């Protein structure tokens, strides 16, 4: 299967070369954002559906090994650990300044999504919330997340819908993807794949901006 064709039909055109200069630009952007608590908060309301779908999808969590890819300040990881104190949660982010805000008890590793510094089958669960859009090379980032997931492990991705491109101001490198495009890519590496639209709150209908993709390897 030609994976390049899967993604380049309707995703906004963008250079796919994550060269050292672009890496530095992205890292600097998030380093600067680390001081912006208003737009990049350290905490999140656990009632928000983006949190609830992760808690439900990975349950029972127990002492599972979970990786938050593009964790920022670790606000999702914080909730997962608070509600499952035996879990072994690691936060991964390009910005060390963001990682400095991750609470104690959560592992912290810095790097880029297309070169995850973990061995094959290292985690029982992997999730990426509004972070895959910053990977630049979406295909390679998905390959990496699937590689480090153990057979039978679960992967969840929450991100924006390419059909809604233009609704929000975005940095030049950001890419959104469609529901079917990401399903097709995940299906190359996982045996079960599904997706659904998602809102922020139970009493709000999804408006098409966000989807959650679920996969089991």
N, C-alpha and C. Protein backbone atom coordinates (compact mmCIF):
# COMPACT_ATOMS: atom_id res chain seq x y z
N UNK A 1 0.85 -1.19 0.00
CA UNK A 1 0.00 0.00 0.00
C UNK A 1 0.88 1.24 0.00
N UNK A 2 0.54 2.23 -0.83
CA UNK A 2 1.29 3.46 -0.90
C UNK A 2 0.81 4.42 0.18
N UNK A 3 1.54 4.47 1.30
CA UNK A 3 1.11 5.29 2.43
C UNK A 3 1.14 6.78 2.10
N UNK A 4 2.03 7.19 1.19
CA UNK A 4 2.08 8.60 0.84
C UNK A 4 0.77 9.03 0.21
N UNK A 5 0.18 8.17 -0.64
CA UNK A 5 -1.08 8.52 -1.28
C UNK A 5 -2.21 8.63 -0.27
N UNK A 6 -2.17 7.78 0.76
CA UNK A 6 -3.22 7.82 1.77
C UNK A 6 -3.32 9.21 2.36
N UNK A 7 -2.18 9.84 2.64
CA UNK A 7 -2.20 11.07 3.39
C UNK A 7 -2.18 12.33 2.55
N UNK A 8 -1.81 12.24 1.30
CA UNK A 8 -1.62 13.47 0.56
C UNK A 8 -2.79 13.85 -0.33
N UNK A 9 -3.88 13.13 -0.22
CA UNK A 9 -5.05 13.48 -1.02
C UNK A 9 -5.73 14.73 -0.52
N UNK A 10 -5.94 14.84 0.82
CA UNK A 10 -6.72 15.98 1.30
C UNK A 10 -6.11 16.71 2.48
N UNK A 11 -4.92 16.31 2.90
CA UNK A 11 -4.25 17.03 3.98
C UNK A 11 -3.61 18.28 3.39
N UNK A 12 -3.64 19.37 4.13
CA UNK A 12 -3.04 20.60 3.66
C UNK A 12 -1.58 20.36 3.26
N UNK A 13 -1.15 20.81 2.07
CA UNK A 13 0.22 20.59 1.64
C UNK A 13 1.22 21.20 2.60
N UNK A 14 2.27 20.43 2.89
CA UNK A 14 3.32 20.92 3.78
C UNK A 14 4.57 20.09 3.52
N UNK A 15 5.73 20.68 3.67
CA UNK A 15 6.98 19.93 3.50
C UNK A 15 7.06 18.85 4.56
N UNK A 16 7.41 17.64 4.14
CA UNK A 16 7.45 16.53 5.07
C UNK A 16 8.83 16.28 5.66
N UNK A 17 9.79 17.11 5.29
CA UNK A 17 11.14 16.92 5.80
C UNK A 17 11.31 17.61 7.14
N UNK A 18 11.42 16.82 8.19
CA UNK A 18 11.62 17.36 9.53
C UNK A 18 13.12 17.57 9.74
N UNK A 19 13.66 18.59 9.09
CA UNK A 19 15.10 18.84 9.15
C UNK A 19 15.47 19.50 10.47
N UNK A 20 16.78 19.57 10.77
CA UNK A 20 17.20 20.14 12.06
C UNK A 20 16.69 21.55 12.31
N UNK A 21 16.60 22.37 11.28
CA UNK A 21 16.12 23.74 11.46
C UNK A 21 14.66 23.75 11.90
N UNK A 22 13.83 22.91 11.27
CA UNK A 22 12.42 22.86 11.65
C UNK A 22 12.26 22.28 13.05
N UNK A 23 13.07 21.30 13.39
CA UNK A 23 13.03 20.75 14.75
C UNK A 23 13.30 21.83 15.78
N UNK A 24 14.32 22.64 15.51
CA UNK A 24 14.65 23.73 16.44
C UNK A 24 13.51 24.73 16.54
N UNK A 25 12.88 25.03 15.40
CA UNK A 25 11.78 25.99 15.39
C UNK A 25 10.60 25.47 16.23
N UNK A 26 10.26 24.21 16.06
CA UNK A 26 9.15 23.63 16.82
C UNK A 26 9.49 23.59 18.31
N UNK A 27 10.69 23.15 18.62
CA UNK A 27 11.11 23.08 20.02
C UNK A 27 11.08 24.46 20.66
N UNK A 28 11.61 25.46 19.98
CA UNK A 28 11.62 26.82 20.52
C UNK A 28 10.21 27.33 20.76
N UNK A 29 9.30 27.03 19.82
CA UNK A 29 7.91 27.46 19.96
C UNK A 29 7.29 26.92 21.24
N UNK A 30 7.51 25.63 21.51
CA UNK A 30 6.91 25.03 22.70
C UNK A 30 7.68 25.39 23.97
N UNK A 31 8.98 25.65 23.85
CA UNK A 31 9.72 26.15 25.01
C UNK A 31 9.14 27.49 25.45
N UNK A 32 8.86 28.35 24.49
CA UNK A 32 8.29 29.66 24.81
C UNK A 32 6.87 29.52 25.36
N UNK A 33 6.12 28.55 24.83
CA UNK A 33 4.74 28.35 25.26
C UNK A 33 4.66 27.81 26.69
N UNK A 34 5.75 27.25 27.19
CA UNK A 34 5.73 26.66 28.53
C UNK A 34 5.39 27.69 29.61
N UNK A 35 5.67 28.95 29.34
CA UNK A 35 5.37 29.99 30.33
C UNK A 35 3.94 30.53 30.18
N UNK A 36 3.21 30.05 29.19
CA UNK A 36 1.85 30.52 28.92
C UNK A 36 0.85 29.55 29.55
N UNK A 37 0.54 29.77 30.81
CA UNK A 37 -0.35 28.86 31.52
C UNK A 37 -1.79 28.98 31.04
N UNK A 38 -2.16 30.13 30.49
CA UNK A 38 -3.53 30.32 30.01
C UNK A 38 -3.85 29.41 28.83
N UNK A 39 -2.97 29.36 27.85
CA UNK A 39 -3.22 28.58 26.64
C UNK A 39 -2.57 27.19 26.69
N UNK A 40 -1.62 26.99 27.59
CA UNK A 40 -0.97 25.69 27.75
C UNK A 40 -0.98 25.34 29.23
N UNK A 41 -2.16 25.00 29.77
CA UNK A 41 -2.29 24.78 31.22
C UNK A 41 -1.64 23.49 31.70
N UNK A 42 -1.36 23.47 32.99
CA UNK A 42 -0.75 22.29 33.62
C UNK A 42 -1.79 21.26 34.05
N UNK A 43 -3.03 21.68 34.13
CA UNK A 43 -4.09 20.79 34.59
C UNK A 43 -5.25 20.78 33.60
N UNK A 44 -6.12 19.79 33.76
CA UNK A 44 -7.31 19.69 32.91
C UNK A 44 -8.44 19.11 33.75
N UNK A 45 -9.63 19.57 33.52
CA UNK A 45 -10.80 19.07 34.23
C UNK A 45 -11.03 17.61 33.83
N UNK A 46 -10.98 16.68 34.77
CA UNK A 46 -11.12 15.25 34.42
C UNK A 46 -12.49 14.89 33.86
N UNK A 47 -13.45 15.80 33.95
CA UNK A 47 -14.77 15.53 33.39
C UNK A 47 -14.82 15.74 31.89
N UNK A 48 -13.83 16.44 31.33
CA UNK A 48 -13.80 16.68 29.89
C UNK A 48 -13.72 15.35 29.16
N UNK A 49 -14.48 15.22 28.08
CA UNK A 49 -14.57 13.94 27.38
C UNK A 49 -13.24 13.47 26.83
N UNK A 50 -12.37 14.38 26.47
CA UNK A 50 -11.05 13.98 25.97
C UNK A 50 -10.30 13.17 27.03
N UNK A 51 -10.52 13.50 28.28
CA UNK A 51 -9.92 12.73 29.38
C UNK A 51 -10.69 11.44 29.61
N UNK A 52 -12.00 11.52 29.62
CA UNK A 52 -12.83 10.37 29.92
C UNK A 52 -12.66 9.24 28.91
N UNK A 53 -12.50 9.58 27.63
CA UNK A 53 -12.34 8.51 26.64
C UNK A 53 -11.04 7.75 26.86
N UNK A 54 -10.00 8.43 27.32
CA UNK A 54 -8.74 7.74 27.61
C UNK A 54 -8.88 6.83 28.82
N UNK A 55 -9.53 7.34 29.86
CA UNK A 55 -9.73 6.52 31.06
C UNK A 55 -10.53 5.27 30.75
N UNK A 56 -11.56 5.42 29.94
CA UNK A 56 -12.40 4.26 29.59
C UNK A 56 -11.68 3.30 28.65
N UNK A 57 -10.97 3.85 27.69
CA UNK A 57 -10.33 3.01 26.67
C UNK A 57 -9.23 2.12 27.27
N UNK A 58 -8.45 2.67 28.19
CA UNK A 58 -7.33 1.92 28.75
C UNK A 58 -7.71 1.10 29.98
N UNK A 59 -8.91 1.28 30.48
CA UNK A 59 -9.35 0.53 31.67
C UNK A 59 -9.47 -0.96 31.39
N UNK A 60 -9.16 -1.80 32.38
CA UNK A 60 -8.58 -1.44 33.68
C UNK A 60 -7.09 -1.12 33.53
N UNK A 61 -6.67 -0.04 34.10
CA UNK A 61 -5.28 0.41 33.91
C UNK A 61 -4.32 -0.34 34.83
N UNK A 62 -4.67 -0.50 36.10
CA UNK A 62 -3.79 -1.25 37.00
C UNK A 62 -2.38 -0.70 36.96
N UNK A 63 -1.40 -1.58 36.73
CA UNK A 63 0.00 -1.15 36.68
C UNK A 63 0.53 -1.11 35.25
N UNK A 64 -0.34 -0.86 34.30
CA UNK A 64 0.07 -0.82 32.89
C UNK A 64 1.09 0.28 32.63
N UNK A 65 1.88 0.06 31.60
CA UNK A 65 2.86 1.04 31.15
C UNK A 65 2.20 1.91 30.09
N UNK A 66 2.05 3.20 30.37
CA UNK A 66 1.38 4.12 29.46
C UNK A 66 2.34 5.22 29.02
N UNK A 67 2.26 5.60 27.77
CA UNK A 67 3.08 6.69 27.24
C UNK A 67 2.19 7.79 26.70
N UNK A 68 2.41 9.01 27.18
CA UNK A 68 1.73 10.21 26.70
C UNK A 68 2.67 10.87 25.70
N UNK A 69 2.35 10.77 24.41
CA UNK A 69 3.21 11.28 23.35
C UNK A 69 2.85 12.73 23.05
N UNK A 70 3.80 13.63 23.25
CA UNK A 70 3.50 15.04 23.12
C UNK A 70 2.73 15.53 24.32
N UNK A 71 3.24 15.20 25.49
CA UNK A 71 2.48 15.38 26.74
C UNK A 71 2.37 16.81 27.19
N UNK A 72 3.22 17.72 26.65
CA UNK A 72 3.21 19.08 27.16
C UNK A 72 3.57 19.09 28.63
N UNK A 73 2.73 19.70 29.45
CA UNK A 73 2.98 19.79 30.89
C UNK A 73 2.43 18.59 31.66
N UNK A 74 1.93 17.60 30.92
CA UNK A 74 1.50 16.36 31.56
C UNK A 74 0.12 16.40 32.16
N UNK A 75 -0.77 17.24 31.63
CA UNK A 75 -2.08 17.38 32.26
C UNK A 75 -2.93 16.13 32.13
N UNK A 76 -2.84 15.42 31.02
CA UNK A 76 -3.57 14.15 30.88
C UNK A 76 -2.92 13.07 31.73
N UNK A 77 -1.61 13.00 31.67
CA UNK A 77 -0.89 12.00 32.46
C UNK A 77 -1.16 12.18 33.95
N UNK A 78 -1.29 13.42 34.37
CA UNK A 78 -1.57 13.72 35.77
C UNK A 78 -2.88 13.06 36.21
N UNK A 79 -3.92 13.20 35.39
CA UNK A 79 -5.22 12.63 35.75
C UNK A 79 -5.16 11.10 35.74
N UNK A 80 -4.53 10.53 34.70
CA UNK A 80 -4.45 9.07 34.63
C UNK A 80 -3.74 8.50 35.84
N UNK A 81 -2.68 9.15 36.29
CA UNK A 81 -1.94 8.65 37.45
C UNK A 81 -2.72 8.88 38.74
N UNK A 82 -3.37 10.04 38.87
CA UNK A 82 -4.15 10.31 40.07
C UNK A 82 -5.26 9.29 40.26
N UNK A 83 -5.86 8.86 39.16
CA UNK A 83 -6.97 7.91 39.25
C UNK A 83 -6.53 6.45 39.17
N UNK A 84 -5.25 6.24 38.89
CA UNK A 84 -4.69 4.87 38.80
C UNK A 84 -3.25 4.92 39.32
N UNK A 85 -3.11 4.94 40.64
CA UNK A 85 -1.79 5.23 41.21
C UNK A 85 -0.76 4.11 41.04
N UNK A 86 -1.20 2.96 40.54
CA UNK A 86 -0.23 1.90 40.27
C UNK A 86 0.30 1.96 38.84
N UNK A 87 -0.30 2.80 38.01
CA UNK A 87 0.10 2.89 36.61
C UNK A 87 1.53 3.42 36.49
N UNK A 88 2.20 2.98 35.45
CA UNK A 88 3.56 3.46 35.16
C UNK A 88 3.46 4.37 33.93
N UNK A 89 3.37 5.66 34.20
CA UNK A 89 3.09 6.64 33.15
C UNK A 89 4.35 7.43 32.81
N UNK A 90 4.60 7.56 31.51
CA UNK A 90 5.74 8.33 31.02
C UNK A 90 5.23 9.44 30.11
N UNK A 91 5.76 10.65 30.31
CA UNK A 91 5.44 11.77 29.44
C UNK A 91 6.59 12.02 28.48
N UNK A 92 6.25 12.20 27.21
CA UNK A 92 7.26 12.41 26.17
C UNK A 92 6.94 13.71 25.45
N UNK A 93 7.94 14.58 25.29
CA UNK A 93 7.69 15.86 24.62
C UNK A 93 8.97 16.41 24.02
N UNK A 94 8.80 17.23 23.00
CA UNK A 94 9.95 17.85 22.35
C UNK A 94 10.57 18.94 23.22
N UNK A 95 9.77 19.53 24.12
CA UNK A 95 10.21 20.66 24.93
C UNK A 95 10.57 20.25 26.35
N UNK A 96 11.82 20.43 26.71
CA UNK A 96 12.23 20.12 28.09
C UNK A 96 11.62 21.11 29.08
N UNK A 97 11.34 22.32 28.62
CA UNK A 97 10.70 23.29 29.52
C UNK A 97 9.27 22.86 29.84
N UNK A 98 8.58 22.29 28.87
CA UNK A 98 7.27 21.73 29.15
C UNK A 98 7.40 20.58 30.15
N UNK A 99 8.36 19.72 29.93
CA UNK A 99 8.55 18.56 30.79
C UNK A 99 8.90 18.96 32.22
N UNK A 100 9.51 20.11 32.39
CA UNK A 100 9.82 20.58 33.75
C UNK A 100 8.57 20.81 34.58
N UNK A 101 7.43 20.97 33.91
CA UNK A 101 6.16 21.21 34.60
C UNK A 101 5.40 19.92 34.88
N UNK A 102 5.87 18.80 34.37
CA UNK A 102 5.21 17.51 34.60
C UNK A 102 5.35 17.13 36.07
N UNK A 103 4.26 16.71 36.71
CA UNK A 103 4.30 16.44 38.15
C UNK A 103 5.13 15.20 38.50
N UNK A 104 5.58 15.12 39.76
CA UNK A 104 6.33 13.95 40.21
C UNK A 104 5.52 12.66 40.05
N UNK A 105 6.25 11.57 39.87
CA UNK A 105 5.60 10.27 39.70
C UNK A 105 5.42 9.87 38.25
N UNK A 106 5.63 10.83 37.34
CA UNK A 106 5.50 10.58 35.91
C UNK A 106 6.89 10.67 35.29
N UNK A 107 7.26 9.66 34.52
CA UNK A 107 8.54 9.69 33.85
C UNK A 107 8.57 10.78 32.80
N UNK A 108 9.76 11.31 32.53
CA UNK A 108 9.90 12.41 31.57
C UNK A 108 11.01 12.11 30.58
N UNK A 109 10.67 12.13 29.30
CA UNK A 109 11.64 11.87 28.23
C UNK A 109 11.44 12.90 27.14
N UNK A 110 12.53 13.47 26.66
CA UNK A 110 12.46 14.49 25.61
C UNK A 110 12.92 13.91 24.27
N UNK A 111 12.27 14.35 23.20
CA UNK A 111 12.64 13.90 21.86
C UNK A 111 11.57 14.29 20.87
N UNK A 112 11.62 13.68 19.67
CA UNK A 112 10.64 13.97 18.65
C UNK A 112 9.82 12.72 18.34
N UNK A 113 8.59 12.93 17.89
CA UNK A 113 7.64 11.83 17.71
C UNK A 113 8.05 10.85 16.62
N UNK A 114 8.85 11.30 15.68
CA UNK A 114 9.27 10.42 14.59
C UNK A 114 10.48 9.58 14.93
N UNK A 115 11.04 9.78 16.13
CA UNK A 115 12.19 8.99 16.60
C UNK A 115 12.01 8.70 18.08
N UNK A 116 11.00 7.93 18.41
CA UNK A 116 10.73 7.64 19.82
C UNK A 116 11.86 6.78 20.40
N UNK A 117 12.50 7.23 21.48
CA UNK A 117 13.67 6.54 22.02
C UNK A 117 13.31 5.40 22.98
N UNK A 118 12.46 4.49 22.49
CA UNK A 118 12.01 3.36 23.29
C UNK A 118 12.12 2.09 22.45
N UNK A 119 12.32 0.97 23.14
CA UNK A 119 12.42 -0.31 22.46
C UNK A 119 11.06 -0.75 21.93
N UNK A 120 11.07 -1.67 20.98
CA UNK A 120 9.83 -2.25 20.47
C UNK A 120 9.03 -2.84 21.63
N UNK A 121 7.71 -2.70 21.54
CA UNK A 121 6.78 -3.33 22.49
C UNK A 121 7.03 -2.89 23.94
N UNK A 122 7.40 -1.62 24.13
CA UNK A 122 7.72 -1.13 25.48
C UNK A 122 6.50 -0.77 26.32
N UNK A 123 5.33 -0.51 25.66
CA UNK A 123 4.19 0.03 26.39
C UNK A 123 2.92 -0.77 26.16
N UNK A 124 2.08 -0.78 27.20
CA UNK A 124 0.77 -1.41 27.10
C UNK A 124 -0.24 -0.47 26.45
N UNK A 125 -0.03 0.82 26.62
CA UNK A 125 -0.92 1.82 26.06
C UNK A 125 -0.17 3.07 25.66
N UNK A 126 -0.56 3.65 24.54
CA UNK A 126 0.05 4.88 24.03
C UNK A 126 -1.08 5.82 23.64
N UNK A 127 -0.94 7.10 23.95
CA UNK A 127 -1.94 8.05 23.49
C UNK A 127 -1.28 9.37 23.10
N UNK A 128 -1.93 10.08 22.18
CA UNK A 128 -1.46 11.37 21.70
C UNK A 128 -2.66 12.30 21.60
N UNK A 129 -2.69 13.34 22.39
CA UNK A 129 -3.82 14.27 22.41
C UNK A 129 -3.37 15.62 21.84
N UNK A 130 -3.88 15.95 20.68
CA UNK A 130 -3.54 17.19 19.97
C UNK A 130 -2.03 17.37 19.83
N UNK A 131 -1.34 16.28 19.57
CA UNK A 131 0.11 16.35 19.40
C UNK A 131 0.56 15.77 18.06
N UNK A 132 -0.16 14.79 17.53
CA UNK A 132 0.24 14.21 16.25
C UNK A 132 0.24 15.27 15.16
N UNK A 133 -0.62 16.27 15.28
CA UNK A 133 -0.68 17.34 14.30
C UNK A 133 0.63 18.12 14.19
N UNK A 134 1.50 18.00 15.20
CA UNK A 134 2.77 18.71 15.20
C UNK A 134 3.95 17.83 14.78
N UNK A 135 3.68 16.60 14.39
CA UNK A 135 4.77 15.67 14.08
C UNK A 135 5.43 15.94 12.74
N UNK A 136 4.76 16.68 11.86
CA UNK A 136 5.20 17.00 10.50
C UNK A 136 5.11 15.76 9.61
N UNK A 137 5.86 14.72 9.93
CA UNK A 137 5.77 13.45 9.19
C UNK A 137 4.79 12.56 9.95
N UNK A 138 3.51 12.70 9.62
CA UNK A 138 2.46 11.98 10.35
C UNK A 138 2.64 10.48 10.23
N UNK A 139 2.94 10.02 9.02
CA UNK A 139 3.08 8.58 8.81
C UNK A 139 4.15 7.96 9.70
N UNK A 140 5.32 8.59 9.74
CA UNK A 140 6.42 8.03 10.53
C UNK A 140 6.11 8.07 12.02
N UNK A 141 5.44 9.13 12.47
CA UNK A 141 5.07 9.21 13.88
C UNK A 141 4.12 8.09 14.27
N UNK A 142 3.16 7.77 13.39
CA UNK A 142 2.24 6.66 13.66
C UNK A 142 2.99 5.34 13.67
N UNK A 143 3.89 5.15 12.73
CA UNK A 143 4.70 3.93 12.69
C UNK A 143 5.45 3.76 14.01
N UNK A 144 6.03 4.84 14.52
CA UNK A 144 6.79 4.79 15.76
C UNK A 144 5.90 4.45 16.95
N UNK A 145 4.72 5.06 17.02
CA UNK A 145 3.83 4.76 18.14
C UNK A 145 3.38 3.31 18.12
N UNK A 146 3.13 2.79 16.94
CA UNK A 146 2.73 1.38 16.83
C UNK A 146 3.90 0.44 17.14
N UNK A 147 5.10 0.85 16.77
CA UNK A 147 6.28 0.02 17.02
C UNK A 147 6.51 -0.22 18.51
N UNK A 148 6.35 0.83 19.31
CA UNK A 148 6.66 0.71 20.74
C UNK A 148 5.50 0.12 21.53
N UNK A 149 4.39 -0.13 20.86
CA UNK A 149 3.22 -0.71 21.52
C UNK A 149 3.32 -2.23 21.48
N UNK A 150 3.07 -2.87 22.60
CA UNK A 150 3.16 -4.34 22.63
C UNK A 150 1.99 -4.96 21.86
N UNK A 151 2.15 -6.18 21.37
CA UNK A 151 1.02 -6.89 20.76
C UNK A 151 -0.16 -6.96 21.74
N UNK A 152 -1.32 -6.58 21.31
CA UNK A 152 -2.48 -6.53 22.19
C UNK A 152 -2.65 -5.19 22.89
N UNK A 153 -1.64 -4.31 22.77
CA UNK A 153 -1.71 -3.00 23.40
C UNK A 153 -2.66 -2.07 22.66
N UNK A 154 -2.96 -0.93 23.30
CA UNK A 154 -3.94 0.01 22.77
C UNK A 154 -3.32 1.37 22.49
N UNK A 155 -3.81 2.00 21.42
CA UNK A 155 -3.36 3.32 21.02
C UNK A 155 -4.57 4.22 20.81
N UNK A 156 -4.53 5.43 21.37
CA UNK A 156 -5.61 6.41 21.20
C UNK A 156 -5.00 7.73 20.72
N UNK A 157 -5.64 8.31 19.70
CA UNK A 157 -5.21 9.59 19.16
C UNK A 157 -6.41 10.53 19.14
N UNK A 158 -6.28 11.67 19.77
CA UNK A 158 -7.32 12.70 19.73
C UNK A 158 -6.74 13.89 19.00
N UNK A 159 -7.39 14.27 17.91
CA UNK A 159 -6.84 15.39 17.14
C UNK A 159 -7.90 16.01 16.24
N UNK A 160 -7.48 16.99 15.47
CA UNK A 160 -8.41 17.80 14.69
C UNK A 160 -8.64 17.21 13.31
N UNK A 161 -9.81 17.53 12.77
CA UNK A 161 -10.30 17.00 11.51
C UNK A 161 -9.87 17.90 10.35
N UNK A 162 -9.21 17.33 9.34
CA UNK A 162 -8.73 18.11 8.20
C UNK A 162 -9.87 18.84 7.48
N UNK A 163 -11.08 18.30 7.54
CA UNK A 163 -12.21 18.95 6.87
C UNK A 163 -12.60 20.26 7.53
N UNK A 164 -12.07 20.49 8.74
CA UNK A 164 -12.35 21.74 9.47
C UNK A 164 -11.17 22.71 9.41
N UNK A 165 -10.21 22.40 8.52
CA UNK A 165 -9.01 23.25 8.42
C UNK A 165 -9.42 24.70 8.18
N UNK A 166 -8.77 25.61 8.88
CA UNK A 166 -9.06 27.03 8.73
C UNK A 166 -9.84 27.62 9.88
N UNK A 167 -10.41 26.76 10.73
CA UNK A 167 -11.18 27.27 11.87
C UNK A 167 -10.30 27.90 12.94
N UNK A 168 -9.07 27.44 13.02
CA UNK A 168 -8.16 27.90 14.07
C UNK A 168 -6.86 28.40 13.46
N UNK A 169 -6.22 29.31 14.15
CA UNK A 169 -4.90 29.76 13.74
C UNK A 169 -3.89 28.66 14.07
N UNK A 170 -3.02 28.34 13.13
CA UNK A 170 -2.08 27.23 13.32
C UNK A 170 -0.67 27.64 12.90
N UNK A 171 0.36 27.01 13.48
CA UNK A 171 1.72 27.26 13.01
C UNK A 171 1.93 26.65 11.63
N UNK A 172 2.97 27.09 10.95
CA UNK A 172 3.17 26.70 9.56
C UNK A 172 3.36 25.20 9.38
N UNK A 173 3.92 24.52 10.39
CA UNK A 173 4.22 23.09 10.24
C UNK A 173 3.03 22.18 10.55
N UNK A 174 1.99 22.71 11.15
CA UNK A 174 0.90 21.86 11.65
C UNK A 174 0.12 21.20 10.52
N UNK A 175 -0.24 19.96 10.71
CA UNK A 175 -1.04 19.21 9.73
C UNK A 175 -2.24 18.59 10.44
N UNK A 176 -3.39 18.71 9.81
CA UNK A 176 -4.57 17.98 10.27
C UNK A 176 -4.83 16.85 9.29
N UNK A 177 -5.60 15.86 9.70
CA UNK A 177 -5.84 14.69 8.85
C UNK A 177 -7.30 14.29 8.98
N UNK A 178 -7.77 13.57 7.97
CA UNK A 178 -9.18 13.18 7.97
C UNK A 178 -9.38 11.87 8.74
N UNK A 179 -10.62 11.62 9.04
CA UNK A 179 -10.99 10.41 9.79
C UNK A 179 -10.51 9.16 9.06
N UNK A 180 -10.82 9.05 7.77
CA UNK A 180 -10.48 7.84 7.02
C UNK A 180 -9.00 7.72 6.76
N UNK A 181 -8.32 8.83 6.54
CA UNK A 181 -6.88 8.77 6.29
C UNK A 181 -6.14 8.14 7.46
N UNK A 182 -6.46 8.59 8.66
CA UNK A 182 -5.75 8.04 9.82
C UNK A 182 -6.21 6.61 10.11
N UNK A 183 -7.46 6.31 9.89
CA UNK A 183 -7.92 4.92 10.05
C UNK A 183 -7.15 4.00 9.12
N UNK A 184 -6.99 4.42 7.87
CA UNK A 184 -6.28 3.59 6.89
C UNK A 184 -4.83 3.37 7.29
N UNK A 185 -4.19 4.41 7.79
CA UNK A 185 -2.80 4.26 8.20
C UNK A 185 -2.67 3.34 9.41
N UNK A 186 -3.52 3.55 10.41
CA UNK A 186 -3.48 2.71 11.60
C UNK A 186 -3.75 1.25 11.26
N UNK A 187 -4.60 1.02 10.28
CA UNK A 187 -4.95 -0.35 9.89
C UNK A 187 -3.77 -1.12 9.31
N UNK A 188 -2.75 -0.40 8.88
CA UNK A 188 -1.54 -1.07 8.37
C UNK A 188 -0.74 -1.74 9.48
N UNK A 189 -0.96 -1.31 10.74
CA UNK A 189 -0.15 -1.79 11.85
C UNK A 189 -0.95 -2.35 13.01
N UNK A 190 -2.25 -2.12 13.01
CA UNK A 190 -3.09 -2.56 14.11
C UNK A 190 -4.24 -3.41 13.59
N UNK A 191 -4.68 -4.39 14.38
CA UNK A 191 -5.70 -5.33 13.92
C UNK A 191 -7.11 -4.79 14.09
N UNK A 192 -7.31 -3.88 15.03
CA UNK A 192 -8.62 -3.28 15.25
C UNK A 192 -8.48 -1.77 15.25
N UNK A 193 -9.26 -1.09 14.42
CA UNK A 193 -9.20 0.37 14.32
C UNK A 193 -10.62 0.91 14.20
N UNK A 194 -10.91 1.95 14.96
CA UNK A 194 -12.20 2.63 14.84
C UNK A 194 -12.02 4.09 15.23
N UNK A 195 -13.02 4.90 14.94
CA UNK A 195 -12.94 6.32 15.30
C UNK A 195 -14.34 6.87 15.51
N UNK A 196 -14.40 8.02 16.16
CA UNK A 196 -15.68 8.66 16.38
C UNK A 196 -15.46 10.15 16.63
N UNK A 197 -16.44 10.99 16.28
CA UNK A 197 -16.34 12.41 16.61
C UNK A 197 -16.46 12.60 18.11
N UNK A 198 -15.87 13.67 18.60
CA UNK A 198 -15.87 13.90 20.04
C UNK A 198 -16.01 15.39 20.33
N UNK A 199 -16.74 15.70 21.39
CA UNK A 199 -16.85 17.07 21.86
C UNK A 199 -16.07 17.19 23.16
N UNK A 200 -16.23 18.32 23.85
CA UNK A 200 -15.56 18.48 25.14
C UNK A 200 -16.40 17.99 26.30
N UNK A 201 -17.73 18.15 26.20
CA UNK A 201 -18.60 17.85 27.32
C UNK A 201 -19.72 16.90 26.90
N UNK A 202 -20.22 16.12 27.84
CA UNK A 202 -21.28 15.15 27.58
C UNK A 202 -22.53 15.78 26.99
N UNK A 203 -22.84 16.99 27.41
CA UNK A 203 -24.09 17.62 26.97
C UNK A 203 -23.93 18.45 25.69
N UNK A 204 -22.78 18.34 25.04
CA UNK A 204 -22.55 19.04 23.78
C UNK A 204 -22.39 18.02 22.65
N UNK A 205 -23.02 18.30 21.51
CA UNK A 205 -22.85 17.43 20.35
C UNK A 205 -21.52 17.77 19.67
N UNK A 206 -20.83 16.77 19.12
CA UNK A 206 -19.59 17.05 18.39
C UNK A 206 -19.87 18.00 17.22
N UNK A 207 -18.97 18.95 17.03
CA UNK A 207 -19.15 19.92 15.96
C UNK A 207 -18.27 19.65 14.75
N UNK A 208 -17.60 18.49 14.75
CA UNK A 208 -16.79 18.10 13.61
C UNK A 208 -15.33 18.47 13.71
N UNK A 209 -14.94 19.22 14.75
CA UNK A 209 -13.55 19.64 14.84
C UNK A 209 -12.63 18.52 15.32
N UNK A 210 -13.09 17.73 16.30
CA UNK A 210 -12.24 16.70 16.89
C UNK A 210 -12.75 15.28 16.61
N UNK A 211 -11.80 14.38 16.40
CA UNK A 211 -12.08 12.95 16.37
C UNK A 211 -11.17 12.24 17.36
N UNK A 212 -11.62 11.08 17.80
CA UNK A 212 -10.73 10.19 18.55
C UNK A 212 -10.62 8.91 17.74
N UNK A 213 -9.38 8.49 17.54
CA UNK A 213 -9.09 7.24 16.83
C UNK A 213 -8.60 6.22 17.85
N UNK A 214 -9.18 5.05 17.83
CA UNK A 214 -8.79 3.96 18.73
C UNK A 214 -8.17 2.84 17.90
N UNK A 215 -7.11 2.24 18.41
CA UNK A 215 -6.49 1.12 17.70
C UNK A 215 -5.99 0.10 18.73
N UNK A 216 -6.05 -1.17 18.34
CA UNK A 216 -5.49 -2.25 19.14
C UNK A 216 -4.55 -3.05 18.26
N UNK A 217 -3.35 -3.25 18.76
CA UNK A 217 -2.32 -3.89 17.95
C UNK A 217 -2.46 -5.41 17.95
